Amino acid sequence: MSYLPKCPKCNSEYTYEDGSLLVCPECAHEWSLEAEAGDSEDQKIVKDSNGNVLNDGDTITVIKDLKVKGTSLVVKIGTKVKNIRLIDGDHDIDCKIDGFGAMKLKSEFVKKV
């Protein structure tokens, strides 16, 4: 018996094939295997300034003084940031910096610890 993936919408294990589509009988969601394979390849890989792959929960260090837009504050070189979260967009790291609060950073200005 061939293995069929669980429904991505409701996580039901009772999926079945209908031609080139997979169908969930519980929520009536239809999808194709090609679309499912494409979703896993579309994940963006975020790298730091040295080329190391960053993941959620990593600890990073700022490698350049960064001016905080709209204030006179500066995030100093060497500032350690714990428990980062990767997001989509130009600024691809979401984090909290002690003394500054919530902030978004570009991965090109940090290195993995």
C-alpha atoms as a PDB file:
ATOM      1  CA  MET A   1       0.000   0.000   0.000  1.00  0.00           C
ATOM      2  CA  SER A   2       1.374   3.411  -0.935  1.00  0.00           C
ATOM      3  CA  TYR A   3       1.767   6.116   1.676  1.00  0.00           C
ATOM      4  CA  LEU A   4      -0.452   9.194   1.255  1.00  0.00           C
ATOM      5  CA  PRO A   5       0.290  12.357   3.231  1.00  0.00           C
ATOM      6  CA  LYS A   6      -2.110  13.747   5.826  1.00  0.00           C
ATOM      7  CA  CYS A   7      -4.411  16.604   4.887  1.00  0.00           C
ATOM      8  CA  PRO A   8      -2.539  19.939   5.239  1.00  0.00           C
ATOM      9  CA  LYS A   9      -5.741  21.705   6.292  1.00  0.00           C
ATOM     10  CA  CYS A  10      -7.230  19.444   8.989  1.00  0.00           C
ATOM     11  CA  ASN A  11      -4.429  16.858   9.453  1.00  0.00           C
ATOM     12  CA  SER A  12      -6.768  13.945   8.658  1.00  0.00           C
ATOM     13  CA  GLU A  13      -5.077  10.659   7.807  1.00  0.00           C
ATOM     14  CA  TYR A  14      -7.947   9.448   5.579  1.00  0.00           C
ATOM     15  CA  THR A  15      -6.804  11.093   2.330  1.00  0.00           C
ATOM     16  CA  TYR A  16      -7.285   9.424  -1.035  1.00  0.00           C
ATOM     17  CA  GLU A  17      -6.205   9.959  -4.635  1.00  0.00           C
ATOM     18  CA  ASP A  18      -8.628  11.237  -7.254  1.00  0.00           C
ATOM     19  CA  GLY A  19      -6.733  11.398 -10.532  1.00  0.00           C
ATOM     20  CA  SER A  20      -3.805  13.759 -10.006  1.00  0.00           C
ATOM     21  CA  LEU A  21      -5.307  15.316  -6.853  1.00  0.00           C
ATOM     22  CA  LEU A  22      -5.347  14.231  -3.240  1.00  0.00           C
ATOM     23  CA  VAL A  23      -8.685  14.667  -1.440  1.00  0.00           C
ATOM     24  CA  CYS A  24      -9.604  14.814   2.233  1.00  0.00           C
ATOM     25  CA  PRO A  25     -13.043  13.290   2.922  1.00  0.00           C
ATOM     26  CA  GLU A  26     -13.388  15.085   6.275  1.00  0.00           C
ATOM     27  CA  CYS A  27     -12.910  18.718   5.178  1.00  0.00           C
ATOM     28  CA  ALA A  28     -13.203  18.314   1.362  1.00  0.00           C
ATOM     29  CA  HIS A  29      -9.799  19.967   0.826  1.00  0.00           C
ATOM     30  CA  GLU A  30      -8.141  19.102  -2.506  1.00  0.00           C
ATOM     31  CA  TRP A  31      -4.439  19.515  -3.338  1.00  0.00           C
ATOM     32  CA  SER A  32      -1.815  18.069  -5.627  1.00  0.00           C
ATOM     33  CA  LEU A  33       1.403  16.274  -4.721  1.00  0.00           C
ATOM     34  CA  GLU A  34       3.348  18.711  -6.931  1.00  0.00           C
ATOM     35  CA  ALA A  35       2.051  21.664  -4.900  1.00  0.00           C
ATOM     36  CA  GLU A  36       2.995  19.902  -1.667  1.00  0.00           C
ATOM     37  CA  ALA A  37       6.526  19.196  -2.922  1.00  0.00           C
ATOM     38  CA  GLY A  38       6.854  22.815  -4.093  1.00  0.00           C
ATOM     39  CA  ASP A  39       5.888  24.170  -0.655  1.00  0.00           C
ATOM     40  CA  SER A  40       8.817  22.462   1.039  1.00  0.00           C
ATOM     41  CA  GLU A  41      11.256  23.845  -1.551  1.00  0.00           C
ATOM     42  CA  ASP A  42       9.942  27.422  -1.242  1.00  0.00           C
ATOM     43  CA  GLN A  43      11.250  27.890   2.292  1.00  0.00           C
ATOM     44  CA  LYS A  44      13.680  30.765   2.350  1.00  0.00           C
ATOM     45  CA  ILE A  45      17.113  30.037   3.791  1.00  0.00           C
ATOM     46  CA  VAL A  46      18.454  32.935   5.857  1.00  0.00           C
ATOM     47  CA  LYS A  47      22.223  33.244   6.247  1.00  0.00           C
ATOM     48  CA  ASP A  48      24.291  35.557   8.430  1.00  0.00           C
ATOM     49  CA  SER A  49      27.190  37.732   7.239  1.00  0.00           C
ATOM     50  CA  ASN A  50      29.576  34.748   7.319  1.00  0.00           C
ATOM     51  CA  GLY A  51      27.266  32.425   5.379  1.00  0.00           C
ATOM     52  CA  ASN A  52      26.046  30.364   8.361  1.00  0.00           C
ATOM     53  CA  VAL A  53      22.403  29.260   8.148  1.00  0.00           C
ATOM     54  CA  LEU A  54      20.216  30.924  10.799  1.00  0.00           C
ATOM     55  CA  ASN A  55      17.306  29.147  12.514  1.00  0.00           C
ATOM     56  CA  ASP A  56      14.566  30.212  14.918  1.00  0.00           C
ATOM     57  CA  GLY A  57      15.881  30.394  18.485  1.00  0.00           C
ATOM     58  CA  ASP A  58      19.525  31.059  17.553  1.00  0.00           C
ATOM     59  CA  THR A  59      21.748  33.557  19.334  1.00  0.00           C
ATOM     60  CA  ILE A  60      23.399  36.212  17.171  1.00  0.00           C
ATOM     61  CA  THR A  61      25.801  39.133  17.571  1.00  0.00           C
ATOM     62  CA  VAL A  62      25.534  42.495  15.805  1.00  0.00           C
ATOM     63  CA  ILE A  63      28.652  43.157  13.657  1.00  0.00           C
ATOM     64  CA  LYS A  64      28.082  46.858  12.931  1.00  0.00           C
ATOM     65  CA  ASP A  65      26.734  49.883  14.801  1.00  0.00           C
ATOM     66  CA  LEU A  66      23.096  50.186  13.715  1.00  0.00           C
ATOM     67  CA  LYS A  67      21.174  53.451  13.994  1.00  0.00           C
ATOM     68  CA  VAL A  68      17.595  52.992  15.154  1.00  0.00           C
ATOM     69  CA  LYS A  69      15.316  54.810  12.739  1.00  0.00           C
ATOM     70  CA  GLY A  70      13.302  57.615  14.318  1.00  0.00           C
ATOM     71  CA  THR A  71      15.483  57.920  17.431  1.00  0.00           C
ATOM     72  CA  SER A  72      18.997  58.918  18.392  1.00  0.00           C
ATOM     73  CA  LEU A  73      19.706  55.419  19.763  1.00  0.00           C
ATOM     74  CA  VAL A  74      22.359  53.101  18.314  1.00  0.00           C
ATOM     75  CA  VAL A  75      22.618  49.317  18.636  1.00  0.00           C
ATOM     76  CA  LYS A  76      26.335  48.891  19.324  1.00  0.00           C
ATOM     77  CA  ILE A  77      28.668  46.423  17.653  1.00  0.00           C
ATOM     78  CA  GLY A  78      28.951  43.202  19.675  1.00  0.00           C
ATOM     79  CA  THR A  79      25.397  43.373  21.067  1.00  0.00           C
ATOM     80  CA  LYS A  80      24.222  39.814  21.728  1.00  0.00           C
ATOM     81  CA  VAL A  81      20.651  38.930  20.758  1.00  0.00           C
ATOM     82  CA  LYS A  82      19.088  35.693  22.019  1.00  0.00           C
ATOM     83  CA  ASN A  83      16.139  33.683  20.716  1.00  0.00           C
ATOM     84  CA  ILE A  84      15.653  35.221  17.265  1.00  0.00           C
ATOM     85  CA  ARG A  85      12.682  34.550  14.989  1.00  0.00           C
ATOM     86  CA  LEU A  86      12.974  34.427  11.196  1.00  0.00           C
ATOM     87  CA  ILE A  87      10.348  36.282   9.158  1.00  0.00           C
ATOM     88  CA  ASP A  88       9.725  37.162   5.515  1.00  0.00           C
ATOM     89  CA  GLY A  89      10.648  40.581   4.206  1.00  0.00           C
ATOM     90  CA  ASP A  90      13.594  42.907   3.833  1.00  0.00           C
ATOM     91  CA  HIS A  91      14.374  42.783   7.560  1.00  0.00           C
ATOM     92  CA  ASP A  92      14.323  39.017   8.038  1.00  0.00           C
ATOM     93  CA  ILE A  93      15.078  38.693  11.782  1.00  0.00           C
ATOM     94  CA  ASP A  94      12.566  39.584  14.500  1.00  0.00           C
ATOM     95  CA  CYS A  95      13.992  39.853  18.022  1.00  0.00           C
ATOM     96  CA  LYS A  96      14.027  41.670  21.346  1.00  0.00           C
ATOM     97  CA  ILE A  97      17.151  43.614  22.271  1.00  0.00           C
ATOM     98  CA  ASP A  98      17.749  44.525  25.906  1.00  0.00           C
ATOM     99  CA  GLY A  99      17.401  48.285  26.339  1.00  0.00           C
ATOM    100  CA  PHE A 100      15.666  48.726  22.953  1.00  0.00           C
ATOM    101  CA  GLY A 101      12.722  46.300  22.892  1.00  0.00           C
ATOM    102  CA  ALA A 102      11.249  44.575  19.844  1.00  0.00           C
ATOM    103  CA  MET A 103      13.213  45.138  16.669  1.00  0.00           C
ATOM    104  CA  LYS A 104      13.694  43.777  13.158  1.00  0.00           C
ATOM    105  CA  LEU A 105      17.211  43.279  11.794  1.00  0.00           C
ATOM    106  CA  LYS A 106      18.745  42.391   8.445  1.00  0.00           C
ATOM    107  CA  SER A 107      20.723  39.165   8.462  1.00  0.00           C
ATOM    108  CA  GLU A 108      23.654  40.812   6.661  1.00  0.00           C
ATOM    109  CA  PHE A 109      24.491  42.802   9.840  1.00  0.00           C
ATOM    110  CA  VAL A 110      24.672  39.857  12.258  1.00  0.00           C
ATOM    111  CA  LYS A 111      26.727  36.730  12.849  1.00  0.00           C
ATOM    112  CA  LYS A 112      25.742  33.493  14.527  1.00  0.00           C
ATOM    113  CA  VAL A 113      27.292  32.803  17.932  1.00  0.00           C
END
